[in-house]
Amino acid sequence: DLGTAYMEMGLYDEAIGEFQAALRAPPDHLPTHEVMGRCWMEMDNPSMAVRSLERALRIQFEVEDELIGIYYLMGRAYEDQGNSADALEFYEKVFSLDINFQDVTERLRALR
């Protein structure tokens, strides 16, 4: 909760510290990985977002829908890095799960 509060206040370094501490207890909590990736993106650091979110992709999940936000952020991070091929791959995963998720349709059109 403290990490989320920091994030909402724009204190991303503090938020990331709280999210990292939270992941020491249950390292498989997907929403924590997602918000930490979002913080890195807000800090204009897509390479750290990718590193952070890649850990989430190694976690077992019950339903793939749990990863939709992580897939989207991976696409955004790769797109920001100029890696259109990997961005497209992740946006297509999002699209296959929910064609109305955020602006994924527009991003796919732009990359194709």
PDB file of N, CA and C in Angstrom:
ATOM      1  N   ASP A   1       0.823  -1.204   0.000  1.00  0.00           N
ATOM      2  CA  ASP A   1       0.000   0.000   0.000  1.00  0.00           C
ATOM      3  C   ASP A   1       0.860   1.258   0.000  1.00  0.00           C
ATOM      4  N   LEU A   2       1.953   1.213   0.752  1.00  0.00           N
ATOM      5  CA  LEU A   2       2.828   2.384   0.814  1.00  0.00           C
ATOM      6  C   LEU A   2       3.456   2.639  -0.555  1.00  0.00           C
ATOM      7  N   GLY A   3       3.850   1.583  -1.243  1.00  0.00           N
ATOM      8  CA  GLY A   3       4.415   1.724  -2.580  1.00  0.00           C
ATOM      9  C   GLY A   3       3.425   2.367  -3.539  1.00  0.00           C
ATOM     10  N   THR A   4       2.170   1.956  -3.458  1.00  0.00           N
ATOM     11  CA  THR A   4       1.140   2.536  -4.316  1.00  0.00           C
ATOM     12  C   THR A   4       0.938   4.016  -3.995  1.00  0.00           C
ATOM     13  N   ALA A   5       0.942   4.346  -2.703  1.00  0.00           N
ATOM     14  CA  ALA A   5       0.799   5.749  -2.309  1.00  0.00           C
ATOM     15  C   ALA A   5       1.954   6.578  -2.855  1.00  0.00           C
ATOM     16  N   TYR A   6       3.172   6.061  -2.719  1.00  0.00           N
ATOM     17  CA  TYR A   6       4.335   6.773  -3.271  1.00  0.00           C
ATOM     18  C   TYR A   6       4.200   6.957  -4.780  1.00  0.00           C
ATOM     19  N   MET A   7       3.752   5.893  -5.462  1.00  0.00           N
ATOM     20  CA  MET A   7       3.611   5.951  -6.911  1.00  0.00           C
ATOM     21  C   MET A   7       2.601   7.032  -7.300  1.00  0.00           C
ATOM     22  N   GLU A   8       1.479   7.080  -6.603  1.00  0.00           N
ATOM     23  CA  GLU A   8       0.448   8.070  -6.906  1.00  0.00           C
ATOM     24  C   GLU A   8       0.929   9.493  -6.662  1.00  0.00           C
ATOM     25  N   MET A   9       1.912   9.654  -5.762  1.00  0.00           N
ATOM     26  CA  MET A   9       2.467  10.977  -5.486  1.00  0.00           C
ATOM     27  C   MET A   9       3.614  11.314  -6.431  1.00  0.00           C
ATOM     28  N   GLY A  10       3.968  10.365  -7.313  1.00  0.00           N
ATOM     29  CA  GLY A  10       5.062  10.600  -8.244  1.00  0.00           C
ATOM     30  C   GLY A  10       6.428  10.351  -7.643  1.00  0.00           C
ATOM     31  N   LEU A  11       6.479   9.707  -6.490  1.00  0.00           N
ATOM     32  CA  LEU A  11       7.749   9.381  -5.825  1.00  0.00           C
ATOM     33  C   LEU A  11       8.148   7.961  -6.228  1.00  0.00           C
ATOM     34  N   TYR A  12       8.589   7.842  -7.459  1.00  0.00           N
ATOM     35  CA  TYR A  12       8.805   6.522  -8.053  1.00  0.00           C
ATOM     36  C   TYR A  12       9.963   5.754  -7.425  1.00  0.00           C
ATOM     37  N   ASP A  13      11.045   6.413  -7.077  1.00  0.00           N
ATOM     38  CA  ASP A  13      12.161   5.710  -6.438  1.00  0.00           C
ATOM     39  C   ASP A  13      11.703   5.071  -5.133  1.00  0.00           C
ATOM     40  N   GLU A  14      10.965   5.830  -4.338  1.00  0.00           N
ATOM     41  CA  GLU A  14      10.462   5.309  -3.071  1.00  0.00           C
ATOM     42  C   GLU A  14       9.474   4.174  -3.305  1.00  0.00           C
ATOM     43  N   ALA A  15       8.618   4.338  -4.321  1.00  0.00           N
ATOM     44  CA  ALA A  15       7.641   3.300  -4.641  1.00  0.00           C
ATOM     45  C   ALA A  15       8.338   2.005  -5.035  1.00  0.00           C
ATOM     46  N   ILE A  16       9.343   2.114  -5.885  1.00  0.00           N
ATOM     47  CA  ILE A  16      10.071   0.918  -6.321  1.00  0.00           C
ATOM     48  C   ILE A  16      10.713   0.225  -5.126  1.00  0.00           C
ATOM     49  N   GLY A  17      11.285   0.995  -4.215  1.00  0.00           N
ATOM     50  CA  GLY A  17      11.869   0.415  -3.009  1.00  0.00           C
ATOM     51  C   GLY A  17      10.845  -0.369  -2.202  1.00  0.00           C
ATOM     52  N   GLU A  18       9.654   0.177  -2.083  1.00  0.00           N
ATOM     53  CA  GLU A  18       8.590  -0.521  -1.347  1.00  0.00           C
ATOM     54  C   GLU A  18       8.140  -1.778  -2.087  1.00  0.00           C
ATOM     55  N   PHE A  19       8.024  -1.689  -3.400  1.00  0.00           N
ATOM     56  CA  PHE A  19       7.608  -2.860  -4.173  1.00  0.00           C
ATOM     57  C   PHE A  19       8.671  -3.956  -4.114  1.00  0.00           C
ATOM     58  N   GLN A  20       9.938  -3.570  -4.157  1.00  0.00           N
ATOM     59  CA  GLN A  20      11.011  -4.562  -4.044  1.00  0.00           C
ATOM     60  C   GLN A  20      10.962  -5.239  -2.687  1.00  0.00           C
ATOM     61  N   ALA A  21      10.716  -4.467  -1.638  1.00  0.00           N
ATOM     62  CA  ALA A  21      10.604  -5.055  -0.299  1.00  0.00           C
ATOM     63  C   ALA A  21       9.406  -6.001  -0.228  1.00  0.00           C
ATOM     64  N   ALA A  22       8.298  -5.604  -0.837  1.00  0.00           N
ATOM     65  CA  ALA A  22       7.106  -6.451  -0.825  1.00  0.00           C
ATOM     66  C   ALA A  22       7.346  -7.767  -1.550  1.00  0.00           C
ATOM     67  N   LEU A  23       8.164  -7.755  -2.584  1.00  0.00           N
ATOM     68  CA  LEU A  23       8.419  -8.979  -3.350  1.00  0.00           C
ATOM     69  C   LEU A  23       9.370  -9.934  -2.642  1.00  0.00           C
ATOM     70  N   ARG A  24       9.970  -9.498  -1.561  1.00  0.00           N
ATOM     71  CA  ARG A  24      10.821 -10.412  -0.793  1.00  0.00           C
ATOM     72  C   ARG A  24       9.977 -11.435  -0.042  1.00  0.00           C
ATOM     73  N   ALA A  25       8.758 -11.060   0.317  1.00  0.00           N
ATOM     74  CA  ALA A  25       7.876 -11.989   1.032  1.00  0.00           C
ATOM     75  C   ALA A  25       7.251 -12.962   0.032  1.00  0.00           C
ATOM     76  N   PRO A  26       6.283 -12.523  -0.774  1.00  0.00           N
ATOM     77  CA  PRO A  26       5.790 -13.410  -1.833  1.00  0.00           C
ATOM     78  C   PRO A  26       6.318 -12.931  -3.190  1.00  0.00           C
ATOM     79  N   PRO A  27       7.410 -13.506  -3.682  1.00  0.00           N
ATOM     80  CA  PRO A  27       8.004 -13.020  -4.936  1.00  0.00           C
ATOM     81  C   PRO A  27       7.162 -13.307  -6.174  1.00  0.00           C
ATOM     82  N   ASP A  28       6.041 -13.995  -5.988  1.00  0.00           N
ATOM     83  CA  ASP A  28       5.217 -14.355  -7.142  1.00  0.00           C
ATOM     84  C   ASP A  28       3.937 -13.508  -7.241  1.00  0.00           C
ATOM     85  N   HIS A  29       3.923 -12.352  -6.608  1.00  0.00           N
ATOM     86  CA  HIS A  29       2.740 -11.495  -6.638  1.00  0.00           C
ATOM     87  C   HIS A  29       2.777 -10.647  -7.910  1.00  0.00           C
ATOM     88  N   LEU A  30       2.055 -11.076  -8.926  1.00  0.00           N
ATOM     89  CA  LEU A  30       2.075 -10.430 -10.241  1.00  0.00           C
ATOM     90  C   LEU A  30       1.716  -8.944 -10.203  1.00  0.00           C
ATOM     91  N   PRO A  31       0.687  -8.527  -9.453  1.00  0.00           N
ATOM     92  CA  PRO A  31       0.365  -7.090  -9.448  1.00  0.00           C
ATOM     93  C   PRO A  31       1.508  -6.204  -8.947  1.00  0.00           C
ATOM     94  N   THR A  32       2.307  -6.707  -8.027  1.00  0.00           N
ATOM     95  CA  THR A  32       3.445  -5.917  -7.533  1.00  0.00           C
ATOM     96  C   THR A  32       4.486  -5.763  -8.627  1.00  0.00           C
ATOM     97  N   HIS A  33       4.753  -6.820  -9.355  1.00  0.00           N
ATOM     98  CA  HIS A  33       5.684  -6.725 -10.489  1.00  0.00           C
ATOM     99  C   HIS A  33       5.166  -5.715 -11.515  1.00  0.00           C
ATOM    100  N   GLU A  34       3.863  -5.752 -11.757  1.00  0.00           N
ATOM    101  CA  GLU A  34       3.279  -4.857 -12.753  1.00  0.00           C
ATOM    102  C   GLU A  34       3.429  -3.390 -12.353  1.00  0.00           C
ATOM    103  N   VAL A  35       3.102  -3.055 -11.101  1.00  0.00           N
ATOM    104  CA  VAL A  35       3.205  -1.643 -10.701  1.00  0.00           C
ATOM    105  C   VAL A  35       4.657  -1.194 -10.638  1.00  0.00           C
ATOM    106  N   MET A  36       5.563  -2.105 -10.321  1.00  0.00           N
ATOM    107  CA  MET A  36       6.979  -1.731 -10.322  1.00  0.00           C
ATOM    108  C   MET A  36       7.429  -1.439 -11.755  1.00  0.00           C
ATOM    109  N   GLY A  37       6.991  -2.244 -12.701  1.00  0.00           N
ATOM    110  CA  GLY A  37       7.300  -1.973 -14.104  1.00  0.00           C
ATOM    111  C   GLY A  37       6.720  -0.652 -14.557  1.00  0.00           C
ATOM    112  N   ARG A  38       5.513  -0.357 -14.108  1.00  0.00           N
ATOM    113  CA  ARG A  38       4.879   0.919 -14.453  1.00  0.00           C
ATOM    114  C   ARG A  38       5.694   2.090 -13.906  1.00  0.00           C
ATOM    115  N   CYS A  39       6.228   1.941 -12.693  1.00  0.00           N
ATOM    116  CA  CYS A  39       7.074   3.001 -12.113  1.00  0.00           C
ATOM    117  C   CYS A  39       8.307   3.242 -12.975  1.00  0.00           C
ATOM    118  N   TRP A  40       8.971   2.162 -13.399  1.00  0.00           N
ATOM    119  CA  TRP A  40      10.155   2.327 -14.249  1.00  0.00           C
ATOM    120  C   TRP A  40       9.794   3.053 -15.538  1.00  0.00           C
ATOM    121  N   MET A  41       8.622   2.742 -16.087  1.00  0.00           N
ATOM    122  CA  MET A  41       8.190   3.419 -17.312  1.00  0.00           C
ATOM    123  C   MET A  41       7.939   4.901 -17.036  1.00  0.00           C
ATOM    124  N   GLU A  42       7.319   5.207 -15.913  1.00  0.00           N
ATOM    125  CA  GLU A  42       7.067   6.606 -15.555  1.00  0.00           C
ATOM    126  C   GLU A  42       8.372   7.370 -15.352  1.00  0.00           C
ATOM    127  N   MET A  43       9.418   6.648 -14.952  1.00  0.00           N
ATOM    128  CA  MET A  43      10.731   7.257 -14.757  1.00  0.00           C
ATOM    129  C   MET A  43      11.513   7.306 -16.069  1.00  0.00           C
ATOM    130  N   ASP A  44      10.857   6.936 -17.168  1.00  0.00           N
ATOM    131  CA  ASP A  44      11.469   6.929 -18.496  1.00  0.00           C
ATOM    132  C   ASP A  44      12.689   6.012 -18.553  1.00  0.00           C
ATOM    133  N   ASN A  45      12.518   4.818 -17.972  1.00  0.00           N
ATOM    134  CA  ASN A  45      13.593   3.840 -17.952  1.00  0.00           C
ATOM    135  C   ASN A  45      13.038   2.492 -18.425  1.00  0.00           C
ATOM    136  N   PRO A  46      12.758   2.370 -19.740  1.00  0.00           N
ATOM    137  CA  PRO A  46      12.150   1.138 -20.230  1.00  0.00           C
ATOM    138  C   PRO A  46      13.043  -0.093 -20.088  1.00  0.00           C
ATOM    139  N   SER A  47      14.343   0.072 -20.092  1.00  0.00           N
ATOM    140  CA  SER A  47      15.206  -1.112 -19.949  1.00  0.00           C
ATOM    141  C   SER A  47      15.062  -1.727 -18.554  1.00  0.00           C
ATOM    142  N   MET A  48      14.915  -0.898 -17.536  1.00  0.00           N
ATOM    143  CA  MET A  48      14.694  -1.431 -16.184  1.00  0.00           C
ATOM    144  C   MET A  48      13.287  -2.008 -16.064  1.00  0.00           C
ATOM    145  N   ALA A  49      12.334  -1.426 -16.779  1.00  0.00           N
ATOM    146  CA  ALA A  49      10.975  -1.984 -16.785  1.00  0.00           C
ATOM    147  C   ALA A  49      11.006  -3.398 -17.354  1.00  0.00           C
ATOM    148  N   VAL A  50      11.725  -3.575 -18.459  1.00  0.00           N
ATOM    149  CA  VAL A  50      11.827  -4.904 -19.071  1.00  0.00           C
ATOM    150  C   VAL A  50      12.464  -5.880 -18.089  1.00  0.00           C
ATOM    151  N   ARG A  51      13.559  -5.486 -17.477  1.00  0.00           N
ATOM    152  CA  ARG A  51      14.234  -6.387 -16.521  1.00  0.00           C
ATOM    153  C   ARG A  51      13.308  -6.778 -15.379  1.00  0.00           C
ATOM    154  N   SER A  52      12.566  -5.808 -14.884  1.00  0.00           N
ATOM    155  CA  SER A  52      11.641  -6.058 -13.786  1.00  0.00           C
ATOM    156  C   SER A  52      10.490  -6.957 -14.214  1.00  0.00           C
ATOM    157  N   LEU A  53       9.910  -6.672 -15.359  1.00  0.00           N
ATOM    158  CA  LEU A  53       8.751  -7.425 -15.830  1.00  0.00           C
ATOM    159  C   LEU A  53       9.109  -8.825 -16.306  1.00  0.00           C
ATOM    160  N   GLU A  54      10.330  -9.021 -16.774  1.00  0.00           N
ATOM    161  CA  GLU A  54      10.751 -10.367 -17.193  1.00  0.00           C
ATOM    162  C   GLU A  54      10.669 -11.350 -16.030  1.00  0.00           C
ATOM    163  N   ARG A  55      10.928 -10.876 -14.823  1.00  0.00           N
ATOM    164  CA  ARG A  55      10.802 -11.746 -13.643  1.00  0.00           C
ATOM    165  C   ARG A  55       9.364 -12.217 -13.482  1.00  0.00           C
ATOM    166  N   ALA A  56       8.427 -11.318 -13.751  1.00  0.00           N
ATOM    167  CA  ALA A  56       7.008 -11.673 -13.629  1.00  0.00           C
ATOM    168  C   ALA A  56       6.618 -12.744 -14.634  1.00  0.00           C
ATOM    169  N   LEU A  57       7.231 -12.729 -15.807  1.00  0.00           N
ATOM    170  CA  LEU A  57       6.883 -13.708 -16.843  1.00  0.00           C
ATOM    171  C   LEU A  57       7.333 -15.124 -16.481  1.00  0.00           C
ATOM    172  N   ARG A  58       8.202 -15.250 -15.502  1.00  0.00           N
ATOM    173  CA  ARG A  58       8.658 -16.575 -15.067  1.00  0.00           C
ATOM    174  C   ARG A  58       7.784 -17.161 -13.960  1.00  0.00           C
ATOM    175  N   ILE A  59       6.801 -16.405 -13.505  1.00  0.00           N
ATOM    176  CA  ILE A  59       5.927 -16.840 -12.412  1.00  0.00           C
ATOM    177  C   ILE A  59       4.790 -17.693 -12.962  1.00  0.00           C
ATOM    178  N   GLN A  60       4.470 -18.747 -12.232  1.00  0.00           N
ATOM    179  CA  GLN A  60       3.336 -19.586 -12.614  1.00  0.00           C
ATOM    180  C   GLN A  60       2.053 -18.791 -12.440  1.00  0.00           C
ATOM    181  N   PHE A  61       1.131 -18.935 -13.357  1.00  0.00           N
ATOM    182  CA  PHE A  61      -0.150 -18.241 -13.278  1.00  0.00           C
ATOM    183  C   PHE A  61      -1.258 -19.244 -13.548  1.00  0.00           C
ATOM    184  N   GLU A  62      -2.442 -18.932 -13.021  1.00  0.00           N
ATOM    185  CA  GLU A  62      -3.578 -19.819 -13.232  1.00  0.00           C
ATOM    186  C   GLU A  62      -4.274 -19.529 -14.554  1.00  0.00           C
ATOM    187  N   VAL A  63      -4.464 -18.255 -14.845  1.00  0.00           N
ATOM    188  CA  VAL A  63      -5.149 -17.817 -16.059  1.00  0.00           C
ATOM    189  C   VAL A  63      -4.264 -16.768 -16.726  1.00  0.00           C
ATOM    190  N   GLU A  64      -4.044 -16.907 -18.017  1.00  0.00           N
ATOM    191  CA  GLU A  64      -3.145 -15.984 -18.710  1.00  0.00           C
ATOM    192  C   GLU A  64      -3.610 -14.534 -18.608  1.00  0.00           C
ATOM    193  N   ASP A  65      -4.885 -14.317 -18.399  1.00  0.00           N
ATOM    194  CA  ASP A  65      -5.406 -12.949 -18.245  1.00  0.00           C
ATOM    195  C   ASP A  65      -4.695 -12.182 -17.131  1.00  0.00           C
ATOM    196  N   GLU A  66      -4.150 -12.902 -16.159  1.00  0.00           N
ATOM    197  CA  GLU A  66      -3.429 -12.261 -15.060  1.00  0.00           C
ATOM    198  C   GLU A  66      -2.205 -11.496 -15.562  1.00  0.00           C
ATOM    199  N   LEU A  67      -1.717 -11.845 -16.737  1.00  0.00           N
ATOM    200  CA  LEU A  67      -0.509 -11.231 -17.279  1.00  0.00           C
ATOM    201  C   LEU A  67      -0.782 -10.093 -18.262  1.00  0.00           C
ATOM    202  N   ILE A  68      -2.029  -9.755 -18.503  1.00  0.00           N
ATOM    203  CA  ILE A  68      -2.338  -8.787 -19.558  1.00  0.00           C
ATOM    204  C   ILE A  68      -1.655  -7.438 -19.330  1.00  0.00           C
ATOM    205  N   GLY A  69      -1.654  -6.946 -18.117  1.00  0.00           N
ATOM    206  CA  GLY A  69      -0.995  -5.667 -17.830  1.00  0.00           C
ATOM    207  C   GLY A  69       0.506  -5.755 -17.997  1.00  0.00           C
ATOM    208  N   ILE A  70       1.067  -6.886 -17.629  1.00  0.00           N
ATOM    209  CA  ILE A  70       2.508  -7.099 -17.775  1.00  0.00           C
ATOM    210  C   ILE A  70       2.871  -7.190 -19.257  1.00  0.00           C
ATOM    211  N   TYR A  71       2.078  -7.921 -20.034  1.00  0.00           N
ATOM    212  CA  TYR A  71       2.313  -7.988 -21.474  1.00  0.00           C
ATOM    213  C   TYR A  71       2.275  -6.588 -22.092  1.00  0.00           C
ATOM    214  N   TYR A  72       1.278  -5.809 -21.704  1.00  0.00           N
ATOM    215  CA  TYR A  72       1.131  -4.464 -22.264  1.00  0.00           C
ATOM    216  C   TYR A  72       2.343  -3.604 -21.919  1.00  0.00           C
ATOM    217  N   LEU A  73       2.761  -3.627 -20.670  1.00  0.00           N
ATOM    218  CA  LEU A  73       3.923  -2.830 -20.264  1.00  0.00           C
ATOM    219  C   LEU A  73       5.194  -3.298 -20.967  1.00  0.00           C
ATOM    220  N   MET A  74       5.328  -4.606 -21.174  1.00  0.00           N
ATOM    221  CA  MET A  74       6.486  -5.117 -21.921  1.00  0.00           C
ATOM    222  C   MET A  74       6.458  -4.548 -23.340  1.00  0.00           C
ATOM    223  N   GLY A  75       5.286  -4.539 -23.956  1.00  0.00           N
ATOM    224  CA  GLY A  75       5.168  -3.964 -25.291  1.00  0.00           C
ATOM    225  C   GLY A  75       5.554  -2.499 -25.311  1.00  0.00           C
ATOM    226  N   ARG A  76       5.068  -1.756 -24.331  1.00  0.00           N
ATOM    227  CA  ARG A  76       5.394  -0.322 -24.254  1.00  0.00           C
ATOM    228  C   ARG A  76       6.886  -0.111 -24.057  1.00  0.00           C
ATOM    229  N   ALA A  77       7.488  -0.906 -23.163  1.00  0.00           N
ATOM    230  CA  ALA A  77       8.917  -0.756 -22.889  1.00  0.00           C
ATOM    231  C   ALA A  77       9.737  -1.068 -24.128  1.00  0.00           C
ATOM    232  N   TYR A  78       9.409  -2.159 -24.814  1.00  0.00           N
ATOM    233  CA  TYR A  78      10.138  -2.499 -26.039  1.00  0.00           C
ATOM    234  C   TYR A  78       9.920  -1.444 -27.112  1.00  0.00           C
ATOM    235  N   GLU A  79       8.703  -0.932 -27.212  1.00  0.00           N
ATOM    236  CA  GLU A  79       8.431   0.116 -28.194  1.00  0.00           C
ATOM    237  C   GLU A  79       9.267   1.362 -27.880  1.00  0.00           C
ATOM    238  N   ASP A  80       9.333   1.734 -26.619  1.00  0.00           N
ATOM    239  CA  ASP A  80      10.136   2.897 -26.221  1.00  0.00           C
ATOM    240  C   ASP A  80      11.624   2.696 -26.506  1.00  0.00           C
ATOM    241  N   GLN A  81      12.052   1.457 -26.498  1.00  0.00           N
ATOM    242  CA  GLN A  81      13.453   1.142 -26.804  1.00  0.00           C
ATOM    243  C   GLN A  81      13.700   1.036 -28.304  1.00  0.00           C
ATOM    244  N   GLY A  82      12.658   1.133 -29.094  1.00  0.00           N
ATOM    245  CA  GLY A  82      12.805   1.012 -30.540  1.00  0.00           C
ATOM    246  C   GLY A  82      12.806  -0.417 -31.033  1.00  0.00           C
ATOM    247  N   ASN A  83      12.414  -1.356 -30.192  1.00  0.00           N
ATOM    248  CA  ASN A  83      12.388  -2.771 -30.536  1.00  0.00           C
ATOM    249  C   ASN A  83      10.958  -3.133 -30.960  1.00  0.00           C
ATOM    250  N   SER A  84      10.634  -2.815 -32.201  1.00  0.00           N
ATOM    251  CA  SER A  84       9.273  -3.007 -32.708  1.00  0.00           C
ATOM    252  C   SER A  84       8.847  -4.468 -32.756  1.00  0.00           C
ATOM    253  N   ALA A  85       9.764  -5.361 -33.082  1.00  0.00           N
ATOM    254  CA  ALA A  85       9.412  -6.782 -33.202  1.00  0.00           C
ATOM    255  C   ALA A  85       8.935  -7.343 -31.873  1.00  0.00           C
ATOM    256  N   ASP A  86       9.686  -7.083 -30.799  1.00  0.00           N
ATOM    257  CA  ASP A  86       9.280  -7.594 -29.487  1.00  0.00           C
ATOM    258  C   ASP A  86       8.042  -6.864 -28.978  1.00  0.00           C
ATOM    259  N   ALA A  87       7.944  -5.563 -29.248  1.00  0.00           N
ATOM    260  CA  ALA A  87       6.758  -4.804 -28.852  1.00  0.00           C
ATOM    261  C   ALA A  87       5.522  -5.406 -29.514  1.00  0.00           C
ATOM    262  N   LEU A  88       5.624  -5.689 -30.785  1.00  0.00           N
ATOM    263  CA  LEU A  88       4.515  -6.266 -31.539  1.00  0.00           C
ATOM    264  C   LEU A  88       4.094  -7.608 -30.953  1.00  0.00           C
ATOM    265  N   GLU A  89       5.074  -8.425 -30.596  1.00  0.00           N
ATOM    266  CA  GLU A  89       4.788  -9.733 -30.009  1.00  0.00           C
ATOM    267  C   GLU A  89       3.951  -9.595 -28.735  1.00  0.00           C
ATOM    268  N   PHE A  90       4.336  -8.672 -27.860  1.00  0.00           N
ATOM    269  CA  PHE A  90       3.607  -8.510 -26.598  1.00  0.00           C
ATOM    270  C   PHE A  90       2.248  -7.845 -26.818  1.00  0.00           C
ATOM    271  N   TYR A  91       2.166  -6.881 -27.721  1.00  0.00           N
ATOM    272  CA  TYR A  91       0.874  -6.270 -28.015  1.00  0.00           C
ATOM    273  C   TYR A  91      -0.094  -7.297 -28.603  1.00  0.00           C
ATOM    274  N   GLU A  92       0.410  -8.210 -29.414  1.00  0.00           N
ATOM    275  CA  GLU A  92      -0.452  -9.251 -29.972  1.00  0.00           C
ATOM    276  C   GLU A  92      -0.983 -10.179 -28.883  1.00  0.00           C
ATOM    277  N   LYS A  93      -0.169 -10.444 -27.866  1.00  0.00           N
ATOM    278  CA  LYS A  93      -0.645 -11.251 -26.731  1.00  0.00           C
ATOM    279  C   LYS A  93      -1.776 -10.523 -26.014  1.00  0.00           C
ATOM    280  N   VAL A  94      -1.598  -9.225 -25.793  1.00  0.00           N
ATOM    281  CA  VAL A  94      -2.650  -8.432 -25.148  1.00  0.00           C
ATOM    282  C   VAL A  94      -3.909  -8.463 -26.002  1.00  0.00           C
ATOM    283  N   PHE A  95      -3.757  -8.222 -27.280  1.00  0.00           N
ATOM    284  CA  PHE A  95      -4.884  -8.177 -28.214  1.00  0.00           C
ATOM    285  C   PHE A  95      -5.648  -9.498 -28.218  1.00  0.00           C
ATOM    286  N   SER A  96      -4.921 -10.603 -28.131  1.00  0.00           N
ATOM    287  CA  SER A  96      -5.588 -11.909 -28.141  1.00  0.00           C
ATOM    288  C   SER A  96      -6.398 -12.148 -26.863  1.00  0.00           C
ATOM    289  N   LEU A  97      -6.022 -11.469 -25.790  1.00  0.00           N
ATOM    290  CA  LEU A  97      -6.747 -11.612 -24.532  1.00  0.00           C
ATOM    291  C   LEU A  97      -7.881 -10.598 -24.388  1.00  0.00           C
ATOM    292  N   ASP A  98      -7.665  -9.372 -24.912  1.00  0.00           N
ATOM    293  CA  ASP A  98      -8.663  -8.317 -24.778  1.00  0.00           C
ATOM    294  C   ASP A  98      -8.401  -7.236 -25.822  1.00  0.00           C
ATOM    295  N   ILE A  99      -9.181  -7.230 -26.890  1.00  0.00           N
ATOM    296  CA  ILE A  99      -8.941  -6.269 -27.970  1.00  0.00           C
ATOM    297  C   ILE A  99      -9.209  -4.833 -27.552  1.00  0.00           C
ATOM    298  N   ASN A 100      -9.886  -4.641 -26.448  1.00  0.00           N
ATOM    299  CA  ASN A 100     -10.205  -3.294 -25.969  1.00  0.00           C
ATOM    300  C   ASN A 100      -9.284  -2.820 -24.844  1.00  0.00           C
ATOM    301  N   PHE A 101      -8.206  -3.537 -24.578  1.00  0.00           N
ATOM    302  CA  PHE A 101      -7.312  -3.157 -23.481  1.00  0.00           C
ATOM    303  C   PHE A 101      -6.557  -1.881 -23.845  1.00  0.00           C
ATOM    304  N   GLN A 102      -6.779  -0.869 -23.046  1.00  0.00           N
ATOM    305  CA  GLN A 102      -6.140   0.437 -23.217  1.00  0.00           C
ATOM    306  C   GLN A 102      -6.078   0.824 -24.697  1.00  0.00           C
ATOM    307  N   ASP A 103      -4.906   1.139 -25.198  1.00  0.00           N
ATOM    308  CA  ASP A 103      -4.772   1.579 -26.596  1.00  0.00           C
ATOM    309  C   ASP A 103      -4.031   0.550 -27.450  1.00  0.00           C
ATOM    310  N   VAL A 104      -4.176  -0.725 -27.098  1.00  0.00           N
ATOM    311  CA  VAL A 104      -3.408  -1.769 -27.773  1.00  0.00           C
ATOM    312  C   VAL A 104      -3.728  -1.854 -29.266  1.00  0.00           C
ATOM    313  N   THR A 105      -4.979  -1.639 -29.646  1.00  0.00           N
ATOM    314  CA  THR A 105      -5.334  -1.711 -31.069  1.00  0.00           C
ATOM    315  C   THR A 105      -4.597  -0.643 -31.870  1.00  0.00           C
ATOM    316  N   GLU A 106      -4.561   0.570 -31.343  1.00  0.00           N
ATOM    317  CA  GLU A 106      -3.871   1.670 -32.020  1.00  0.00           C
ATOM    318  C   GLU A 106      -2.373   1.416 -32.097  1.00  0.00           C
ATOM    319  N   ARG A 107      -1.818   0.877 -31.033  1.00  0.00           N
ATOM    320  CA  ARG A 107      -0.375   0.596 -31.024  1.00  0.00           C
ATOM    321  C   ARG A 107      -0.028  -0.498 -32.027  1.00  0.00           C
ATOM    322  N   LEU A 108      -0.867  -1.498 -32.138  1.00  0.00           N
ATOM    323  CA  LEU A 108      -0.638  -2.550 -33.133  1.00  0.00           C
ATOM    324  C   LEU A 108      -0.684  -1.969 -34.543  1.00  0.00           C
ATOM    325  N   ARG A 109      -1.675  -1.144 -34.813  1.00  0.00           N
ATOM    326  CA  ARG A 109      -1.789  -0.541 -36.148  1.00  0.00           C
ATOM    327  C   ARG A 109      -0.546   0.283 -36.469  1.00  0.00           C
ATOM    328  N   ALA A 110      -0.079   1.038 -35.503  1.00  0.00           N
ATOM    329  CA  ALA A 110       1.093   1.896 -35.729  1.00  0.00           C
ATOM    330  C   ALA A 110       2.348   1.079 -36.009  1.00  0.00           C
ATOM    331  N   LEU A 111       2.490  -0.059 -35.371  1.00  0.00           N
ATOM    332  CA  LEU A 111       3.701  -0.881 -35.549  1.00  0.00           C
ATOM    333  C   LEU A 111       3.629  -1.746 -36.802  1.00  0.00           C
ATOM    334  N   ARG A 112       2.446  -2.035 -37.246  1.00  0.00           N
ATOM    335  CA  ARG A 112       2.320  -2.886 -38.448  1.00  0.00           C
ATOM    336  C   ARG A 112       2.505  -2.023 -39.647  1.00  0.00           C
TER     337      ARG A 112
END
